[in-house]
Amino acid sequence: MRCPSLGLLAASIASIAAAACTTLGPVPTSTTVSPIAHGRPGVDLQAGAMPGFYVSSTTRESDHGDAFAAISALLEPDRMLGLKGLIVGGTMIGGDGGSRGMFQPYVGWRGYVDAARTASVAAVAFGSSASDGNRDGRAHVDVQRVGAEVTGDYDVTQGSRVVGFHVLGGASVQRLDASGDYCVDSRGDGTDCGDTDPLTHAEVDALITSGRGGLALDFARDRDSWFHGGRVEFSYVVGSKPRVVFGQEQGSQIYSSGSLTLTLGFGE
């Protein structure tokens, strides 16, 4: 069986009795970019789970978010371009079930904001455009997104070169423009599509926000070598997502999601 594109039950199905469904249209709500700058030409490579929700989950009432498997690469050119703090990169975000996932590019700035190098900030703009699902007459969704995120980071251990404990917080806002066809049940919620079930068309054009807090453990920072250090980070996101009933957008609902990432820095 296949679930709707724009309608489909939440990725984290809480009920054991609920049937498994395809989940479509990943919408990450944090870039998980570290605010810690290399301060010299370098690259960050990251892998882990990125927080957010599936567009398909908007057709059912649920406070559950999702965590997407993701890998990303970030370039900090620094003096190579004479633009200290500039970062550019991209993230490949995996899907679940029938989802194809998507690629999300981003650009931004990060750096320390105090002389003691204990507080840092990152501001990142991001976006994506992707199609997901089955276009051979069944459920599918087209998603366009553009947004921005600001993250602050504080080094509790005051610049330790061996191991650093950090607290962080941030917020993001993005415009979500999605349209697709899916199947609905008698209550207007998204449900599995049979081979002959009629499809309902839906469109969502919403401004969505989220906030996050987290903890990070940095190691081997400020080394005079090609290895610029690493970070293990856990964060928790609470945000808003649209609610769709019988193909019509009807307000919003709150969701929550966690993330866990490993970042390694390399370069000059």
Protein backbone atom coordinates (compact mmCIF):
# COMPACT_ATOMS: atom_id res chain seq x y z
CA MET A 1 0.00 0.00 0.00
CA ARG A 2 1.05 3.58 -0.58
CA CYS A 3 0.21 6.68 1.36
CA PRO A 4 -0.65 10.12 0.03
CA SER A 5 1.97 12.58 -0.93
CA LEU A 6 0.58 15.67 0.61
CA GLY A 7 -1.41 13.51 2.91
CA LEU A 8 0.03 10.70 4.79
CA LEU A 9 0.38 9.78 8.35
CA ALA A 10 3.15 11.21 10.45
CA ALA A 11 6.58 9.74 9.96
CA SER A 12 6.80 8.67 13.57
CA ILE A 13 3.70 6.49 13.82
CA ALA A 14 2.95 6.31 17.48
CA SER A 15 0.27 3.65 17.44
CA ILE A 16 1.40 0.04 17.12
CA ALA A 17 -1.90 -0.73 15.46
CA ALA A 18 -1.36 1.86 12.75
CA ALA A 19 -0.28 0.54 9.34
CA ALA A 20 3.07 1.64 7.98
CA CYS A 21 2.90 4.36 5.33
CA THR A 22 5.06 6.02 2.77
CA THR A 23 6.28 9.43 3.91
CA LEU A 24 6.81 12.19 1.36
CA GLY A 25 8.19 15.72 1.18
CA PRO A 26 10.95 16.14 3.82
CA VAL A 27 11.10 19.64 5.33
CA PRO A 28 14.23 20.10 7.50
CA THR A 29 13.87 22.96 9.97
CA SER A 30 17.50 23.39 11.00
CA THR A 31 20.67 23.47 8.89
CA THR A 32 22.69 22.04 11.85
CA VAL A 33 25.58 24.31 10.76
CA SER A 34 28.11 24.86 13.56
CA PRO A 35 28.68 28.54 14.50
CA ILE A 36 32.36 27.79 15.24
CA ALA A 37 34.54 29.27 12.49
CA HIS A 38 37.84 27.75 11.34
CA GLY A 39 39.43 31.20 11.12
CA ARG A 40 41.44 29.91 8.12
CA PRO A 41 40.52 28.09 4.89
CA GLY A 42 38.76 24.88 5.79
CA VAL A 43 36.02 22.34 5.17
CA ASP A 44 33.43 20.81 7.50
CA LEU A 45 32.11 17.33 6.77
CA GLN A 46 29.01 16.35 8.69
CA ALA A 47 26.82 13.26 9.05
CA GLY A 48 23.87 12.49 11.26
CA ALA A 49 20.15 13.13 11.71
CA MET A 50 18.53 16.47 10.81
CA PRO A 51 15.27 17.60 12.50
CA GLY A 52 12.05 18.54 10.72
CA PHE A 53 8.82 17.02 9.39
CA TYR A 54 7.33 15.53 6.24
CA VAL A 55 4.83 17.58 4.24
CA SER A 56 2.67 14.46 4.20
CA SER A 57 2.34 14.61 8.01
CA THR A 58 0.47 17.92 7.73
CA THR A 59 -2.67 16.01 6.68
CA ARG A 60 -2.98 14.35 10.07
CA GLU A 61 -3.13 15.81 13.54
CA SER A 62 0.19 14.98 15.19
CA ASP A 63 2.79 16.60 17.42
CA HIS A 64 5.53 14.30 16.12
CA GLY A 65 8.35 15.53 13.93
CA ASP A 66 10.94 13.52 12.04
CA ALA A 67 14.70 13.10 11.86
CA PHE A 68 16.24 12.78 8.39
CA ALA A 69 19.49 11.00 7.66
CA ALA A 70 21.79 13.62 6.14
CA ILE A 71 25.35 14.24 4.97
CA SER A 72 26.74 17.69 4.25
CA ALA A 73 29.87 19.56 3.23
CA LEU A 74 30.69 23.17 4.12
CA LEU A 75 33.47 25.36 2.71
CA GLU A 76 34.92 28.31 4.64
CA PRO A 77 37.26 30.04 2.12
CA ASP A 78 38.44 32.73 4.60
CA ARG A 79 41.48 34.58 3.23
CA MET A 80 41.38 32.67 -0.07
CA LEU A 81 38.59 35.08 -1.10
CA GLY A 82 39.24 37.79 1.44
CA LEU A 83 35.81 37.18 3.00
CA LYS A 84 36.31 36.21 6.60
CA GLY A 85 33.44 34.20 8.02
CA LEU A 86 31.77 33.37 4.69
CA ILE A 87 30.44 29.80 4.44
CA VAL A 88 28.86 27.95 1.53
CA GLY A 89 27.70 24.37 1.48
CA GLY A 90 25.02 21.82 0.83
CA THR A 91 23.23 18.92 2.48
CA MET A 92 21.91 15.72 0.96
CA ILE A 93 18.83 14.75 2.93
CA GLY A 94 17.54 11.20 2.79
CA GLY A 95 13.90 10.18 2.72
CA ASP A 96 11.91 7.43 4.38
CA GLY A 97 9.68 4.83 2.78
CA GLY A 98 8.79 6.12 -0.68
CA SER A 99 10.50 9.49 -0.27
CA ARG A 100 13.41 10.31 -2.59
CA GLY A 101 14.98 12.86 -0.28
CA MET A 102 16.46 16.10 -1.62
CA PHE A 103 19.49 18.40 -1.84
CA GLN A 104 19.60 21.66 0.14
CA PRO A 105 22.25 24.31 -0.66
CA TYR A 106 23.02 27.14 1.77
CA VAL A 107 25.19 30.23 2.23
CA GLY A 108 25.92 32.29 5.30
CA TRP A 109 28.35 33.81 7.79
CA ARG A 110 29.75 32.61 11.10
CA GLY A 111 32.29 33.85 13.58
CA TYR A 112 33.17 34.78 17.15
CA VAL A 113 31.51 37.86 18.60
CA ASP A 114 33.75 38.43 21.65
CA ALA A 115 37.49 38.86 22.19
CA ALA A 116 37.67 35.81 24.45
CA ARG A 117 36.34 33.59 21.63
CA THR A 118 33.70 31.99 23.81
CA ALA A 119 30.56 33.25 22.01
CA SER A 120 29.87 32.72 18.31
CA VAL A 121 26.99 33.23 15.89
CA ALA A 122 26.00 31.76 12.53
CA ALA A 123 23.43 33.19 10.10
CA VAL A 124 22.51 30.94 7.18
CA ALA A 125 20.12 31.24 4.22
CA PHE A 126 18.90 28.01 2.60
CA GLY A 127 16.38 26.66 0.14
CA SER A 128 15.36 23.71 -2.00
CA SER A 129 13.03 22.62 -4.76
CA ALA A 130 12.04 18.98 -5.14
CA SER A 131 9.35 16.56 -6.24
CA ASP A 132 8.50 13.45 -4.29
CA GLY A 133 6.23 10.46 -4.75
CA ASN A 134 4.65 8.59 -7.65
CA ARG A 135 3.52 10.65 -10.64
CA ASP A 136 1.93 7.66 -12.40
CA GLY A 137 -1.54 8.61 -11.25
CA ARG A 138 -1.01 8.24 -7.53
CA ALA A 139 0.17 10.34 -4.58
CA HIS A 140 2.90 12.93 -5.12
CA VAL A 141 4.05 16.31 -3.84
CA ASP A 142 6.09 19.24 -5.17
CA VAL A 143 7.90 21.33 -2.53
CA GLN A 144 9.68 24.68 -2.75
CA ARG A 145 11.31 26.21 0.31
CA VAL A 146 13.39 29.26 1.16
CA GLY A 147 14.39 30.35 4.64
CA ALA A 148 16.97 31.57 7.11
CA GLU A 149 18.39 30.39 10.43
CA VAL A 150 20.34 32.10 13.20
CA THR A 151 22.28 30.06 15.78
CA GLY A 152 24.21 31.19 18.84
CA ASP A 153 26.88 29.15 20.64
CA TYR A 154 28.57 29.62 24.03
CA ASP A 155 31.69 27.76 25.15
CA VAL A 156 31.16 26.87 28.80
CA THR A 157 34.74 25.57 29.13
CA GLN A 158 36.20 28.90 28.00
CA GLY A 159 38.30 27.85 25.01
CA SER A 160 39.79 24.51 26.05
CA ARG A 161 42.05 23.14 23.29
CA VAL A 162 41.31 19.52 24.23
CA VAL A 163 37.58 19.16 24.97
CA GLY A 164 34.99 21.93 25.00
CA PHE A 165 31.42 21.82 26.29
CA HIS A 166 29.03 24.16 24.47
CA VAL A 167 25.40 25.22 24.80
CA LEU A 168 23.55 26.56 21.79
CA GLY A 169 20.23 27.95 20.70
CA GLY A 170 18.70 29.15 17.48
CA ALA A 171 15.61 29.94 15.45
CA SER A 172 14.59 29.54 11.83
CA VAL A 173 11.86 30.86 9.56
CA GLN A 174 11.00 29.60 6.11
CA ARG A 175 8.36 29.86 3.45
CA LEU A 176 6.91 26.49 2.50
CA ASP A 177 5.14 26.23 -0.86
CA ALA A 178 3.83 22.72 -1.51
CA SER A 179 1.22 21.17 -3.78
CA GLY A 180 0.23 17.62 -4.55
CA ASP A 181 -2.42 14.91 -4.76
CA TYR A 182 -3.30 12.41 -2.09
CA CYS A 183 -6.12 10.29 -0.66
CA VAL A 184 -8.36 11.24 2.27
CA ASP A 185 -10.54 9.32 4.69
CA SER A 186 -14.05 10.23 5.85
CA ARG A 187 -12.65 12.72 8.39
CA GLY A 188 -10.57 14.53 5.80
CA ASP A 189 -7.24 13.14 7.00
CA GLY A 190 -4.59 11.70 4.70
CA THR A 191 -4.75 7.95 4.26
CA ASP A 192 -3.32 5.09 2.19
CA CYS A 193 -4.13 5.17 -1.53
CA GLY A 194 -5.56 2.13 -3.22
CA ASP A 195 -5.21 1.54 -6.95
CA THR A 196 -8.60 3.12 -7.74
CA ASP A 197 -9.08 5.57 -4.86
CA PRO A 198 -9.83 9.15 -5.98
CA LEU A 199 -7.12 11.74 -5.35
CA THR A 200 -7.60 15.08 -3.60
CA HIS A 201 -5.51 18.06 -4.66
CA ALA A 202 -4.02 20.28 -1.96
CA GLU A 203 -1.86 23.40 -1.89
CA VAL A 204 0.04 24.87 1.06
CA ASP A 205 1.66 28.29 1.15
CA ALA A 206 2.77 28.93 4.72
CA LEU A 207 5.39 30.72 6.79
CA ILE A 208 6.72 28.26 9.36
CA THR A 209 8.99 28.90 12.32
CA SER A 210 11.01 26.80 14.74
CA GLY A 211 13.30 27.19 17.72
CA ARG A 212 15.98 24.87 18.97
CA GLY A 213 18.32 24.33 21.88
CA GLY A 214 21.18 21.93 22.24
CA LEU A 215 24.45 20.74 23.70
CA ALA A 216 27.72 20.08 21.89
CA LEU A 217 31.04 18.49 22.72
CA ASP A 218 34.00 19.88 20.75
CA PHE A 219 37.36 18.15 20.61
CA ALA A 220 40.85 18.96 19.29
CA ARG A 221 40.04 22.59 18.44
CA ASP A 222 42.67 25.24 17.53
CA ARG A 223 45.26 22.71 16.38
CA ASP A 224 48.09 23.82 14.10
CA SER A 225 47.46 20.96 11.69
CA TRP A 226 45.27 19.89 8.78
CA PHE A 227 42.70 18.54 11.28
CA HIS A 228 40.71 21.47 12.64
CA GLY A 229 38.75 19.56 15.27
CA GLY A 230 35.35 17.95 15.60
CA ARG A 231 31.96 18.32 17.19
CA VAL A 232 29.26 15.96 18.44
CA GLU A 233 25.98 17.86 18.80
CA PHE A 234 22.49 17.05 20.04
CA SER A 235 19.68 19.53 19.62
CA TYR A 236 15.90 19.55 20.08
CA VAL A 237 13.53 21.51 17.87
CA VAL A 238 9.99 22.74 18.52
CA GLY A 239 8.18 24.40 15.64
CA SER A 240 4.98 24.90 13.69
CA LYS A 241 3.75 23.10 10.59
CA PRO A 242 0.55 23.56 8.55
CA ARG A 243 -2.60 21.51 9.06
CA VAL A 244 -4.43 20.28 5.94
CA VAL A 245 -8.00 18.87 6.04
CA PHE A 246 -9.87 17.71 2.91
CA GLY A 247 -7.12 19.33 0.83
CA GLN A 248 -7.53 22.74 2.49
CA GLU A 249 -4.96 24.45 4.69
CA GLN A 250 -6.55 25.09 8.10
CA GLY A 251 -4.16 26.78 10.49
CA SER A 252 -1.10 25.17 11.99
CA GLN A 253 0.02 22.62 14.57
CA ILE A 254 3.06 22.20 16.81
CA TYR A 255 5.64 19.47 16.35
CA SER A 256 8.94 18.50 17.99
CA SER A 257 12.01 16.66 16.75
CA GLY A 258 15.56 15.85 17.81
CA SER A 259 18.87 15.73 15.93
CA LEU A 260 22.31 14.21 16.45
CA THR A 261 25.30 15.09 14.25
CA LEU A 262 29.04 14.53 13.99
CA THR A 263 31.12 17.26 12.31
CA LEU A 264 34.81 17.02 11.40
CA GLY A 265 36.87 19.99 10.22
CA PHE A 266 39.82 19.87 7.81
CA GLY A 267 41.91 22.37 5.89
CA GLU A 268 44.94 24.60 5.99
